[in-house]
Amino acid sequence: MNDLYLFIFLAMEVFAKANNSLDSLPSKIREYVQDKIQLCQPTNFHVCDGTDQENQQLLDSMERAGVIRKLKKYKNW
C-alpha cells in the first residue's frame, strides 16, 4: 500500500480537485482523520496519493494562492 498523507486546509481552499474521500484509508486511520476533521472543522482536506502529478498540482495551486513562491534556480559554483 502507498503511504498516505493528509493535508487539512483550515483557512483556504487551494486545491480545487481535492481527494477528500476517506474510503481508501484503513479503518483506524479513517477514524483518527474523521476525529481531527470534526475537531478542526476545515473548509477542505486532501488525502495524498504521493504521485508526481499530484505533487505538481499541489505546488501549482499553492503558488497561485500565494502560499508559496517559486525561487529562481542558481547555478552551483
N, C-alpha and C. Protein backbone atom coordinates (compact mmCIF):
# COMPACT_ATOMS: atom_id res chain seq x y z
N MET A 1 0.84 -1.19 0.00
CA MET A 1 0.00 0.00 0.00
C MET A 1 0.88 1.24 0.00
N ASN A 2 0.45 2.25 -0.74
CA ASN A 2 1.19 3.51 -0.78
C ASN A 2 1.05 4.24 0.53
N ASP A 3 2.07 5.03 0.84
CA ASP A 3 1.97 5.88 2.02
C ASP A 3 0.94 6.96 1.74
N LEU A 4 0.11 7.25 2.69
CA LEU A 4 -0.91 8.28 2.54
C LEU A 4 -0.63 9.41 3.51
N TYR A 5 -0.80 10.61 3.04
CA TYR A 5 -0.62 11.78 3.86
C TYR A 5 -1.89 12.60 3.79
N LEU A 6 -2.18 13.35 4.81
CA LEU A 6 -3.38 14.15 4.87
C LEU A 6 -3.00 15.61 5.05
N PHE A 7 -3.53 16.45 4.21
CA PHE A 7 -3.38 17.89 4.37
C PHE A 7 -4.74 18.44 4.76
N ILE A 8 -4.79 19.25 5.79
CA ILE A 8 -6.03 19.90 6.19
C ILE A 8 -5.86 21.39 5.96
N PHE A 9 -6.72 21.94 5.12
CA PHE A 9 -6.68 23.35 4.81
C PHE A 9 -7.72 24.05 5.67
N LEU A 10 -7.27 24.83 6.63
CA LEU A 10 -8.19 25.47 7.57
C LEU A 10 -8.73 26.80 7.05
N ALA A 11 -7.89 27.60 6.42
CA ALA A 11 -8.31 28.96 6.10
C ALA A 11 -8.46 29.20 4.61
N MET A 12 -8.13 28.25 3.78
CA MET A 12 -8.19 28.50 2.34
C MET A 12 -8.49 27.22 1.60
N GLU A 13 -8.94 27.37 0.39
CA GLU A 13 -9.21 26.23 -0.46
C GLU A 13 -8.25 26.31 -1.63
N VAL A 14 -7.05 25.75 -1.48
CA VAL A 14 -6.03 25.90 -2.51
C VAL A 14 -6.04 24.76 -3.52
N PHE A 15 -6.71 23.68 -3.21
CA PHE A 15 -6.67 22.53 -4.11
C PHE A 15 -8.08 22.22 -4.58
N ALA A 16 -8.41 22.70 -5.77
CA ALA A 16 -9.78 22.58 -6.27
C ALA A 16 -10.21 21.13 -6.46
N LYS A 17 -9.30 20.27 -6.86
CA LYS A 17 -9.63 18.87 -7.12
C LYS A 17 -9.20 18.00 -5.94
N ALA A 18 -9.61 18.39 -4.76
CA ALA A 18 -9.19 17.69 -3.55
C ALA A 18 -9.71 16.27 -3.52
N ASN A 19 -8.83 15.35 -3.13
CA ASN A 19 -9.22 13.96 -2.90
C ASN A 19 -9.69 13.89 -1.46
N ASN A 20 -10.97 14.14 -1.26
CA ASN A 20 -11.48 14.17 0.11
C ASN A 20 -12.27 12.91 0.46
N SER A 21 -11.90 11.82 -0.17
CA SER A 21 -12.53 10.54 0.15
C SER A 21 -11.65 9.78 1.14
N LEU A 22 -12.26 9.33 2.20
CA LEU A 22 -11.53 8.57 3.21
C LEU A 22 -11.69 7.07 3.01
N ASP A 23 -12.39 6.67 1.97
CA ASP A 23 -12.70 5.26 1.74
C ASP A 23 -11.47 4.36 1.60
N SER A 24 -10.39 4.91 1.06
CA SER A 24 -9.20 4.09 0.83
C SER A 24 -8.33 3.91 2.08
N LEU A 25 -8.67 4.62 3.15
CA LEU A 25 -7.87 4.56 4.37
C LEU A 25 -8.28 3.37 5.24
N PRO A 26 -7.31 2.78 5.94
CA PRO A 26 -7.65 1.74 6.92
C PRO A 26 -8.57 2.32 8.00
N SER A 27 -9.39 1.48 8.59
CA SER A 27 -10.44 1.95 9.50
C SER A 27 -9.92 2.77 10.67
N LYS A 28 -8.83 2.36 11.28
CA LYS A 28 -8.28 3.11 12.43
C LYS A 28 -7.81 4.50 12.00
N ILE A 29 -7.18 4.59 10.85
CA ILE A 29 -6.72 5.88 10.35
C ILE A 29 -7.91 6.74 9.95
N ARG A 30 -8.91 6.13 9.32
CA ARG A 30 -10.12 6.85 8.93
C ARG A 30 -10.79 7.47 10.16
N GLU A 31 -10.89 6.69 11.25
CA GLU A 31 -11.49 7.20 12.49
C GLU A 31 -10.68 8.37 13.04
N TYR A 32 -9.36 8.25 13.02
CA TYR A 32 -8.49 9.32 13.51
C TYR A 32 -8.69 10.60 12.68
N VAL A 33 -8.68 10.44 11.35
CA VAL A 33 -8.84 11.59 10.46
C VAL A 33 -10.21 12.22 10.65
N GLN A 34 -11.24 11.42 10.75
CA GLN A 34 -12.59 11.96 10.97
C GLN A 34 -12.66 12.75 12.27
N ASP A 35 -12.00 12.25 13.31
CA ASP A 35 -11.96 12.95 14.59
C ASP A 35 -11.27 14.30 14.44
N LYS A 36 -10.16 14.35 13.72
CA LYS A 36 -9.43 15.61 13.55
C LYS A 36 -10.19 16.58 12.66
N ILE A 37 -10.90 16.06 11.66
CA ILE A 37 -11.72 16.92 10.82
C ILE A 37 -12.84 17.54 11.64
N GLN A 38 -13.45 16.75 12.50
CA GLN A 38 -14.51 17.27 13.36
C GLN A 38 -13.96 18.31 14.33
N LEU A 39 -12.77 18.07 14.86
CA LEU A 39 -12.15 19.00 15.80
C LEU A 39 -11.75 20.31 15.13
N CYS A 40 -11.10 20.22 13.98
CA CYS A 40 -10.56 21.41 13.30
C CYS A 40 -11.56 22.10 12.39
N GLN A 41 -12.55 21.38 11.91
CA GLN A 41 -13.58 21.89 11.00
C GLN A 41 -12.98 22.62 9.81
N PRO A 42 -12.13 21.94 9.04
CA PRO A 42 -11.51 22.60 7.88
C PRO A 42 -12.53 22.84 6.77
N THR A 43 -12.22 23.79 5.90
CA THR A 43 -13.07 24.03 4.74
C THR A 43 -12.88 22.93 3.71
N ASN A 44 -11.75 22.26 3.75
CA ASN A 44 -11.43 21.21 2.80
C ASN A 44 -10.30 20.37 3.36
N PHE A 45 -10.14 19.17 2.83
CA PHE A 45 -8.99 18.35 3.16
C PHE A 45 -8.64 17.52 1.94
N HIS A 46 -7.43 16.99 1.95
CA HIS A 46 -6.94 16.22 0.81
C HIS A 46 -6.13 15.05 1.31
N VAL A 47 -6.46 13.86 0.85
CA VAL A 47 -5.67 12.66 1.15
C VAL A 47 -4.73 12.45 -0.01
N CYS A 48 -3.44 12.55 0.25
CA CYS A 48 -2.43 12.47 -0.81
C CYS A 48 -2.18 11.02 -1.22
N ASP A 49 -1.97 10.84 -2.52
CA ASP A 49 -1.60 9.52 -3.02
C ASP A 49 -0.11 9.43 -3.33
N GLY A 50 0.59 10.54 -3.30
CA GLY A 50 2.04 10.55 -3.45
C GLY A 50 2.57 10.56 -4.87
N THR A 51 1.70 10.76 -5.86
CA THR A 51 2.16 10.77 -7.25
C THR A 51 2.86 12.09 -7.57
N ASP A 52 3.73 12.05 -8.57
CA ASP A 52 4.40 13.27 -9.02
C ASP A 52 3.39 14.27 -9.56
N GLN A 53 2.37 13.78 -10.25
CA GLN A 53 1.33 14.66 -10.81
C GLN A 53 0.59 15.39 -9.69
N GLU A 54 0.25 14.66 -8.65
CA GLU A 54 -0.44 15.27 -7.52
C GLU A 54 0.46 16.31 -6.85
N ASN A 55 1.72 15.99 -6.67
CA ASN A 55 2.66 16.93 -6.06
C ASN A 55 2.71 18.22 -6.86
N GLN A 56 2.80 18.12 -8.18
CA GLN A 56 2.86 19.32 -9.02
C GLN A 56 1.57 20.11 -8.94
N GLN A 57 0.43 19.42 -8.90
CA GLN A 57 -0.86 20.11 -8.76
C GLN A 57 -0.93 20.89 -7.45
N LEU A 58 -0.48 20.26 -6.37
CA LEU A 58 -0.48 20.94 -5.07
C LEU A 58 0.44 22.16 -5.08
N LEU A 59 1.63 22.00 -5.63
CA LEU A 59 2.57 23.13 -5.71
C LEU A 59 2.00 24.26 -6.56
N ASP A 60 1.44 23.93 -7.72
CA ASP A 60 0.85 24.94 -8.60
C ASP A 60 -0.29 25.67 -7.91
N SER A 61 -1.16 24.93 -7.23
CA SER A 61 -2.30 25.53 -6.54
C SER A 61 -1.83 26.47 -5.43
N MET A 62 -0.84 26.02 -4.65
CA MET A 62 -0.35 26.86 -3.56
C MET A 62 0.37 28.09 -4.09
N GLU A 63 1.05 27.97 -5.23
CA GLU A 63 1.72 29.12 -5.83
C GLU A 63 0.68 30.14 -6.31
N ARG A 64 -0.38 29.66 -6.97
CA ARG A 64 -1.45 30.56 -7.43
C ARG A 64 -2.12 31.27 -6.26
N ALA A 65 -2.26 30.58 -5.14
CA ALA A 65 -2.90 31.16 -3.96
C ALA A 65 -1.97 32.08 -3.18
N GLY A 66 -0.69 32.13 -3.55
CA GLY A 66 0.26 32.99 -2.87
C GLY A 66 0.83 32.41 -1.60
N VAL A 67 0.65 31.11 -1.39
CA VAL A 67 1.14 30.46 -0.19
C VAL A 67 2.64 30.17 -0.29
N ILE A 68 3.06 29.81 -1.49
CA ILE A 68 4.48 29.56 -1.75
C ILE A 68 4.89 30.36 -2.97
N ARG A 69 6.19 30.51 -3.15
CA ARG A 69 6.72 31.23 -4.30
C ARG A 69 7.87 30.42 -4.87
N LYS A 70 7.85 30.25 -6.19
CA LYS A 70 8.92 29.51 -6.85
C LYS A 70 10.17 30.40 -6.88
N LEU A 71 11.28 29.84 -6.48
CA LEU A 71 12.53 30.59 -6.45
C LEU A 71 13.34 30.31 -7.70
N LYS A 72 14.12 31.30 -8.07
CA LYS A 72 15.00 31.16 -9.22
C LYS A 72 16.10 30.16 -8.90
N LYS A 73 16.38 29.27 -9.84
CA LYS A 73 17.44 28.30 -9.64
C LYS A 73 18.78 28.95 -9.98
N TYR A 74 19.71 28.83 -9.07
CA TYR A 74 21.04 29.39 -9.27
C TYR A 74 22.02 28.28 -9.66
N LYS A 75 22.98 28.64 -10.48
CA LYS A 75 23.99 27.69 -10.90
C LYS A 75 25.01 27.50 -9.76
N ASN A 76 25.34 26.24 -9.49
CA ASN A 76 26.36 25.96 -8.48
C ASN A 76 27.72 26.36 -8.98
N TRP A 77 28.56 26.78 -8.09
CA TRP A 77 29.91 27.23 -8.49
C TRP A 77 30.84 26.10 -8.62
